[in-house]
Amino acid sequence: LTGAFGSFVGTPTDIVKIRFQVESGLISPEGVYTTGLYKGTRPKYQNTFDAFRGIYAEGGIAGLYHGAGPNMFRASLVTSAQVASYDHSKTLLLRHKIMEEGTGLFLLCGLISGFTATTIAAPADLIKTRIMNDRSSTPFRSGIDCLVKTVRCEGPSALFKGWFPAWLRLGPLFVISWPLMEFMRKSVFGLPHF
């Protein structure tokens, strides 16, 4: 629930980030894109605050929270996959005496956790991004609509577009955060390892 709640609160900033990422390119002295998807047009937003204002003006509060459902679902998947895979891989490696409790175990389980969370969340991440960026005249009606249209038009593998960059973000995060959490529990708070 915490991951979903945090994603809900952060949805407006996620929409602004996605809109800026899609609408990128070099801008001429005349203020027109010379490269990118929007070549030949002026940037829709001048800065972050202008983007918040513009999105609000176009769709009100609902516009700022467009895609909140898929965003929350994605966050729930990441959090649950992260925790479950870390705990399960650690339990198996210890039970079968493959590794002992320590930094090496924590690093490996963090790596497994990052891989699992990235893979489980990839379809929801793609759907969330497409819905948040959808400015077409026939927008996606829901996350399911986006999922069906994506698979129908591009095949199931399209759901994993962007997997590697997502893993490059989550993998190192979990490889660092899990061992750090284990260290803090044991050394700072005197608690047993997770």
C-alpha atoms as a PDB file:
ATOM      1  CA  LEU A   1       0.000   0.000   0.000  1.00  0.00           C
ATOM      2  CA  THR A   2       2.823   2.445   0.719  1.00  0.00           C
ATOM      3  CA  GLY A   3       4.201   2.095  -2.796  1.00  0.00           C
ATOM      4  CA  ALA A   4       0.747   2.661  -4.282  1.00  0.00           C
ATOM      5  CA  PHE A   5       0.063   5.671  -2.054  1.00  0.00           C
ATOM      6  CA  GLY A   6       3.447   7.227  -2.837  1.00  0.00           C
ATOM      7  CA  SER A   7       2.851   6.747  -6.554  1.00  0.00           C
ATOM      8  CA  PHE A   8      -0.579   8.330  -6.306  1.00  0.00           C
ATOM      9  CA  VAL A   9       0.880  11.403  -4.601  1.00  0.00           C
ATOM     10  CA  GLY A  10       3.684  11.589  -7.177  1.00  0.00           C
ATOM     11  CA  THR A  11       1.527  11.011 -10.271  1.00  0.00           C
ATOM     12  CA  PRO A  12       1.460  14.683 -11.347  1.00  0.00           C
ATOM     13  CA  THR A  13       5.271  14.882 -11.314  1.00  0.00           C
ATOM     14  CA  ASP A  14       5.476  11.599 -13.209  1.00  0.00           C
ATOM     15  CA  ILE A  15       3.187  12.973 -15.926  1.00  0.00           C
ATOM     16  CA  VAL A  16       5.294  16.124 -16.251  1.00  0.00           C
ATOM     17  CA  LYS A  17       8.489  14.040 -16.466  1.00  0.00           C
ATOM     18  CA  ILE A  18       7.041  11.761 -19.133  1.00  0.00           C
ATOM     19  CA  ARG A  19       5.736  14.680 -21.208  1.00  0.00           C
ATOM     20  CA  PHE A  20       9.152  16.367 -21.089  1.00  0.00           C
ATOM     21  CA  GLN A  21      10.933  13.124 -22.015  1.00  0.00           C
ATOM     22  CA  VAL A  22       8.718  12.547 -25.049  1.00  0.00           C
ATOM     23  CA  GLU A  23       8.777  16.168 -26.161  1.00  0.00           C
ATOM     24  CA  SER A  24      12.537  16.474 -26.278  1.00  0.00           C
ATOM     25  CA  GLY A  25      14.944  17.631 -28.940  1.00  0.00           C
ATOM     26  CA  LEU A  26      17.198  20.485 -29.908  1.00  0.00           C
ATOM     27  CA  ILE A  27      15.520  23.880 -30.048  1.00  0.00           C
ATOM     28  CA  SER A  28      16.459  26.481 -32.658  1.00  0.00           C
ATOM     29  CA  PRO A  29      17.023  30.160 -31.785  1.00  0.00           C
ATOM     30  CA  GLU A  30      13.457  30.714 -33.067  1.00  0.00           C
ATOM     31  CA  GLY A  31      12.158  28.374 -30.338  1.00  0.00           C
ATOM     32  CA  VAL A  32      11.219  25.434 -32.593  1.00  0.00           C
ATOM     33  CA  TYR A  33      12.346  21.816 -32.220  1.00  0.00           C
ATOM     34  CA  THR A  34      14.910  20.907 -34.877  1.00  0.00           C
ATOM     35  CA  THR A  35      15.101  17.243 -33.816  1.00  0.00           C
ATOM     36  CA  GLY A  36      12.912  14.681 -32.050  1.00  0.00           C
ATOM     37  CA  LEU A  37       9.317  13.556 -32.341  1.00  0.00           C
ATOM     38  CA  TYR A  38       7.999  17.103 -32.295  1.00  0.00           C
ATOM     39  CA  LYS A  39      10.397  18.503 -34.915  1.00  0.00           C
ATOM     40  CA  GLY A  40       9.055  21.724 -36.403  1.00  0.00           C
ATOM     41  CA  THR A  41       6.837  22.583 -33.421  1.00  0.00           C
ATOM     42  CA  ARG A  42       7.325  24.791 -30.389  1.00  0.00           C
ATOM     43  CA  PRO A  43       7.700  23.169 -26.965  1.00  0.00           C
ATOM     44  CA  LYS A  44       4.317  22.801 -25.320  1.00  0.00           C
ATOM     45  CA  TYR A  45       5.700  23.748 -21.904  1.00  0.00           C
ATOM     46  CA  GLN A  46       8.478  26.208 -21.070  1.00  0.00           C
ATOM     47  CA  ASN A  47       9.401  24.725 -17.679  1.00  0.00           C
ATOM     48  CA  THR A  48       8.137  22.383 -14.989  1.00  0.00           C
ATOM     49  CA  PHE A  49       5.734  24.865 -13.429  1.00  0.00           C
ATOM     50  CA  ASP A  50       4.353  25.776 -16.839  1.00  0.00           C
ATOM     51  CA  ALA A  51       3.760  22.058 -17.468  1.00  0.00           C
ATOM     52  CA  PHE A  52       1.821  21.689 -14.203  1.00  0.00           C
ATOM     53  CA  ARG A  53      -0.247  24.761 -15.111  1.00  0.00           C
ATOM     54  CA  GLY A  54      -0.796  23.587 -18.690  1.00  0.00           C
ATOM     55  CA  ILE A  55      -1.825  20.055 -17.749  1.00  0.00           C
ATOM     56  CA  TYR A  56      -4.166  21.441 -15.085  1.00  0.00           C
ATOM     57  CA  ALA A  57      -5.645  23.927 -17.577  1.00  0.00           C
ATOM     58  CA  GLU A  58      -6.273  21.107 -20.074  1.00  0.00           C
ATOM     59  CA  GLY A  59      -7.767  18.565 -17.700  1.00  0.00           C
ATOM     60  CA  GLY A  60      -8.059  19.951 -14.188  1.00  0.00           C
ATOM     61  CA  ILE A  61      -7.128  17.743 -11.255  1.00  0.00           C
ATOM     62  CA  ALA A  62      -8.115  14.699 -13.304  1.00  0.00           C
ATOM     63  CA  GLY A  63      -5.516  15.708 -15.903  1.00  0.00           C
ATOM     64  CA  LEU A  64      -2.792  15.805 -13.267  1.00  0.00           C
ATOM     65  CA  TYR A  65      -3.819  12.337 -12.079  1.00  0.00           C
ATOM     66  CA  HIS A  66      -4.337  10.803 -15.521  1.00  0.00           C
ATOM     67  CA  GLY A  67      -2.790   7.343 -15.284  1.00  0.00           C
ATOM     68  CA  ALA A  68      -2.784   7.223 -11.473  1.00  0.00           C
ATOM     69  CA  GLY A  69      -4.375   3.755 -11.468  1.00  0.00           C
ATOM     70  CA  PRO A  70      -1.690   2.099 -13.617  1.00  0.00           C
ATOM     71  CA  ASN A  71       0.962   4.103 -11.736  1.00  0.00           C
ATOM     72  CA  MET A  72      -0.278   2.778  -8.393  1.00  0.00           C
ATOM     73  CA  PHE A  73      -0.571  -0.761  -9.777  1.00  0.00           C
ATOM     74  CA  ARG A  74       3.006  -0.589 -11.074  1.00  0.00           C
ATOM     75  CA  ALA A  75       4.301   0.634  -7.710  1.00  0.00           C
ATOM     76  CA  SER A  76       2.463  -2.163  -5.902  1.00  0.00           C
ATOM     77  CA  LEU A  77       4.027  -4.709  -8.246  1.00  0.00           C
ATOM     78  CA  VAL A  78       7.522  -3.286  -7.748  1.00  0.00           C
ATOM     79  CA  THR A  79       7.226  -3.226  -3.963  1.00  0.00           C
ATOM     80  CA  SER A  80       5.701  -6.682  -3.595  1.00  0.00           C
ATOM     81  CA  ALA A  81       8.069  -8.303  -6.113  1.00  0.00           C
ATOM     82  CA  GLN A  82      11.053  -6.592  -4.532  1.00  0.00           C
ATOM     83  CA  VAL A  83      10.305  -7.727  -0.989  1.00  0.00           C
ATOM     84  CA  ALA A  84       9.051 -11.211  -1.864  1.00  0.00           C
ATOM     85  CA  SER A  85      11.955 -12.048  -4.172  1.00  0.00           C
ATOM     86  CA  TYR A  86      14.563 -10.741  -1.731  1.00  0.00           C
ATOM     87  CA  ASP A  87      13.095 -12.707   1.155  1.00  0.00           C
ATOM     88  CA  HIS A  88      12.510 -15.889  -0.850  1.00  0.00           C
ATOM     89  CA  SER A  89      15.925 -15.960  -2.538  1.00  0.00           C
ATOM     90  CA  LYS A  90      17.640 -15.292   0.780  1.00  0.00           C
ATOM     91  CA  THR A  91      15.636 -18.047   2.494  1.00  0.00           C
ATOM     92  CA  LEU A  92      16.444 -20.583  -0.251  1.00  0.00           C
ATOM     93  CA  LEU A  93      20.145 -19.741  -0.381  1.00  0.00           C
ATOM     94  CA  LEU A  94      20.434 -20.079   3.398  1.00  0.00           C
ATOM     95  CA  ARG A  95      18.248 -23.194   3.689  1.00  0.00           C
ATOM     96  CA  HIS A  96      20.230 -25.069   1.048  1.00  0.00           C
ATOM     97  CA  LYS A  97      23.506 -23.815   2.550  1.00  0.00           C
ATOM     98  CA  ILE A  98      24.568 -22.239  -0.748  1.00  0.00           C
ATOM     99  CA  MET A  99      25.627 -19.053   1.022  1.00  0.00           C
ATOM    100  CA  GLU A 100      25.979 -17.805   4.563  1.00  0.00           C
ATOM    101  CA  GLU A 101      24.444 -14.702   6.109  1.00  0.00           C
ATOM    102  CA  GLY A 102      26.552 -11.718   5.085  1.00  0.00           C
ATOM    103  CA  THR A 103      27.280  -9.042   2.530  1.00  0.00           C
ATOM    104  CA  GLY A 104      27.658 -11.428  -0.427  1.00  0.00           C
ATOM    105  CA  LEU A 105      24.249 -12.943   0.253  1.00  0.00           C
ATOM    106  CA  PHE A 106      22.644  -9.525   0.644  1.00  0.00           C
ATOM    107  CA  LEU A 107      24.190  -8.262  -2.607  1.00  0.00           C
ATOM    108  CA  LEU A 108      23.099 -11.329  -4.604  1.00  0.00           C
ATOM    109  CA  CYS A 109      19.583 -11.251  -3.195  1.00  0.00           C
ATOM    110  CA  GLY A 110      19.396  -7.511  -3.925  1.00  0.00           C
ATOM    111  CA  LEU A 111      20.380  -8.256  -7.532  1.00  0.00           C
ATOM    112  CA  ILE A 112      17.712 -10.968  -7.765  1.00  0.00           C
ATOM    113  CA  SER A 113      15.206  -8.569  -6.216  1.00  0.00           C
ATOM    114  CA  GLY A 114      15.987  -5.859  -8.788  1.00  0.00           C
ATOM    115  CA  PHE A 115      15.712  -8.312 -11.684  1.00  0.00           C
ATOM    116  CA  THR A 116      12.413  -9.722 -10.420  1.00  0.00           C
ATOM    117  CA  ALA A 117      10.813  -6.361  -9.617  1.00  0.00           C
ATOM    118  CA  THR A 118      11.820  -4.949 -13.019  1.00  0.00           C
ATOM    119  CA  THR A 119      10.432  -7.972 -14.876  1.00  0.00           C
ATOM    120  CA  ILE A 120       7.160  -8.166 -12.943  1.00  0.00           C
ATOM    121  CA  ALA A 121       6.504  -4.421 -13.265  1.00  0.00           C
ATOM    122  CA  ALA A 122       7.593  -3.961 -16.912  1.00  0.00           C
ATOM    123  CA  PRO A 123       4.133  -4.355 -18.506  1.00  0.00           C
ATOM    124  CA  ALA A 124       2.513  -2.024 -15.950  1.00  0.00           C
ATOM    125  CA  ASP A 125       5.363   0.471 -16.410  1.00  0.00           C
ATOM    126  CA  LEU A 126       4.837   0.539 -20.173  1.00  0.00           C
ATOM    127  CA  ILE A 127       1.056   0.908 -19.816  1.00  0.00           C
ATOM    128  CA  LYS A 128       1.425   3.675 -17.212  1.00  0.00           C
ATOM    129  CA  THR A 129       3.820   5.591 -19.448  1.00  0.00           C
ATOM    130  CA  ARG A 130       1.655   5.265 -22.544  1.00  0.00           C
ATOM    131  CA  ILE A 131      -1.473   6.383 -20.716  1.00  0.00           C
ATOM    132  CA  MET A 132       0.293   9.342 -19.092  1.00  0.00           C
ATOM    133  CA  ASN A 133       1.673  10.432 -22.448  1.00  0.00           C
ATOM    134  CA  ASP A 134      -1.488   9.775 -24.469  1.00  0.00           C
ATOM    135  CA  ARG A 135      -2.591  13.044 -26.040  1.00  0.00           C
ATOM    136  CA  SER A 136      -4.350  11.530 -29.045  1.00  0.00           C
ATOM    137  CA  SER A 137      -7.882  12.279 -30.123  1.00  0.00           C
ATOM    138  CA  THR A 138      -8.842   8.705 -29.198  1.00  0.00           C
ATOM    139  CA  PRO A 139      -7.097   8.144 -25.862  1.00  0.00           C
ATOM    140  CA  PHE A 140      -6.872   4.816 -24.092  1.00  0.00           C
ATOM    141  CA  ARG A 141     -10.042   4.196 -22.082  1.00  0.00           C
ATOM    142  CA  SER A 142      -8.213   2.278 -19.344  1.00  0.00           C
ATOM    143  CA  GLY A 143      -5.108   0.304 -18.511  1.00  0.00           C
ATOM    144  CA  ILE A 144      -6.763  -2.831 -19.897  1.00  0.00           C
ATOM    145  CA  ASP A 145      -7.591  -1.004 -23.141  1.00  0.00           C
ATOM    146  CA  CYS A 146      -3.953   0.059 -23.444  1.00  0.00           C
ATOM    147  CA  LEU A 147      -2.769  -3.490 -22.693  1.00  0.00           C
ATOM    148  CA  VAL A 148      -5.057  -5.064 -25.296  1.00  0.00           C
ATOM    149  CA  LYS A 149      -4.211  -2.498 -27.988  1.00  0.00           C
ATOM    150  CA  THR A 150      -0.478  -2.811 -27.305  1.00  0.00           C
ATOM    151  CA  VAL A 151      -0.462  -6.616 -27.508  1.00  0.00           C
ATOM    152  CA  ARG A 152      -2.772  -6.617 -30.543  1.00  0.00           C
ATOM    153  CA  CYS A 153      -0.678  -4.080 -32.498  1.00  0.00           C
ATOM    154  CA  GLU A 154       2.858  -4.866 -31.326  1.00  0.00           C
ATOM    155  CA  GLY A 155       2.769  -8.366 -29.823  1.00  0.00           C
ATOM    156  CA  PRO A 156       3.347  -9.467 -26.217  1.00  0.00           C
ATOM    157  CA  SER A 157       7.059  -8.653 -26.265  1.00  0.00           C
ATOM    158  CA  ALA A 158       6.143  -4.955 -26.562  1.00  0.00           C
ATOM    159  CA  LEU A 159       5.140  -5.071 -22.897  1.00  0.00           C
ATOM    160  CA  PHE A 160       8.827  -5.345 -22.038  1.00  0.00           C
ATOM    161  CA  LYS A 161      10.039  -2.354 -24.056  1.00  0.00           C
ATOM    162  CA  GLY A 162      12.337  -0.337 -21.825  1.00  0.00           C
ATOM    163  CA  TRP A 163      13.088  -3.303 -19.554  1.00  0.00           C
ATOM    164  CA  PHE A 164      16.859  -2.850 -19.636  1.00  0.00           C
ATOM    165  CA  PRO A 165      16.895   0.860 -18.741  1.00  0.00           C
ATOM    166  CA  ALA A 166      14.360   0.138 -15.986  1.00  0.00           C
ATOM    167  CA  TRP A 167      16.621  -2.605 -14.649  1.00  0.00           C
ATOM    168  CA  LEU A 168      19.627  -0.273 -14.822  1.00  0.00           C
ATOM    169  CA  ARG A 169      17.667   1.999 -12.482  1.00  0.00           C
ATOM    170  CA  LEU A 170      16.164  -0.585 -10.109  1.00  0.00           C
ATOM    171  CA  GLY A 171      18.986  -3.165 -10.079  1.00  0.00           C
ATOM    172  CA  PRO A 172      21.650  -0.934  -8.505  1.00  0.00           C
ATOM    173  CA  LEU A 173      19.070   0.624  -6.187  1.00  0.00           C
ATOM    174  CA  PHE A 174      18.173  -2.747  -4.676  1.00  0.00           C
ATOM    175  CA  VAL A 175      21.775  -3.999  -4.676  1.00  0.00           C
ATOM    176  CA  ILE A 176      22.601  -1.000  -2.472  1.00  0.00           C
ATOM    177  CA  SER A 177      19.406  -0.611  -0.421  1.00  0.00           C
ATOM    178  CA  TRP A 178      18.966  -4.219   0.720  1.00  0.00           C
ATOM    179  CA  PRO A 179      22.505  -4.671   2.111  1.00  0.00           C
ATOM    180  CA  LEU A 180      22.256  -1.199   3.657  1.00  0.00           C
ATOM    181  CA  MET A 181      18.953  -2.134   5.288  1.00  0.00           C
ATOM    182  CA  GLU A 182      20.489  -5.370   6.620  1.00  0.00           C
ATOM    183  CA  PHE A 183      23.468  -3.432   8.015  1.00  0.00           C
ATOM    184  CA  MET A 184      21.210  -0.852   9.659  1.00  0.00           C
ATOM    185  CA  ARG A 185      18.988  -3.502  11.234  1.00  0.00           C
ATOM    186  CA  LYS A 186      21.922  -5.427  12.721  1.00  0.00           C
ATOM    187  CA  SER A 187      24.538  -2.783  13.477  1.00  0.00           C
ATOM    188  CA  VAL A 188      22.495   0.301  14.253  1.00  0.00           C
ATOM    189  CA  PHE A 189      19.285  -1.057  15.749  1.00  0.00           C
ATOM    190  CA  GLY A 190      20.491  -4.413  17.087  1.00  0.00           C
ATOM    191  CA  LEU A 191      17.761  -6.329  15.251  1.00  0.00           C
ATOM    192  CA  PRO A 192      18.231  -9.664  13.485  1.00  0.00           C
ATOM    193  CA  HIS A 193      18.748  -9.665   9.738  1.00  0.00           C
ATOM    194  CA  PHE A 194      15.589  -9.429   7.598  1.00  0.00           C
END
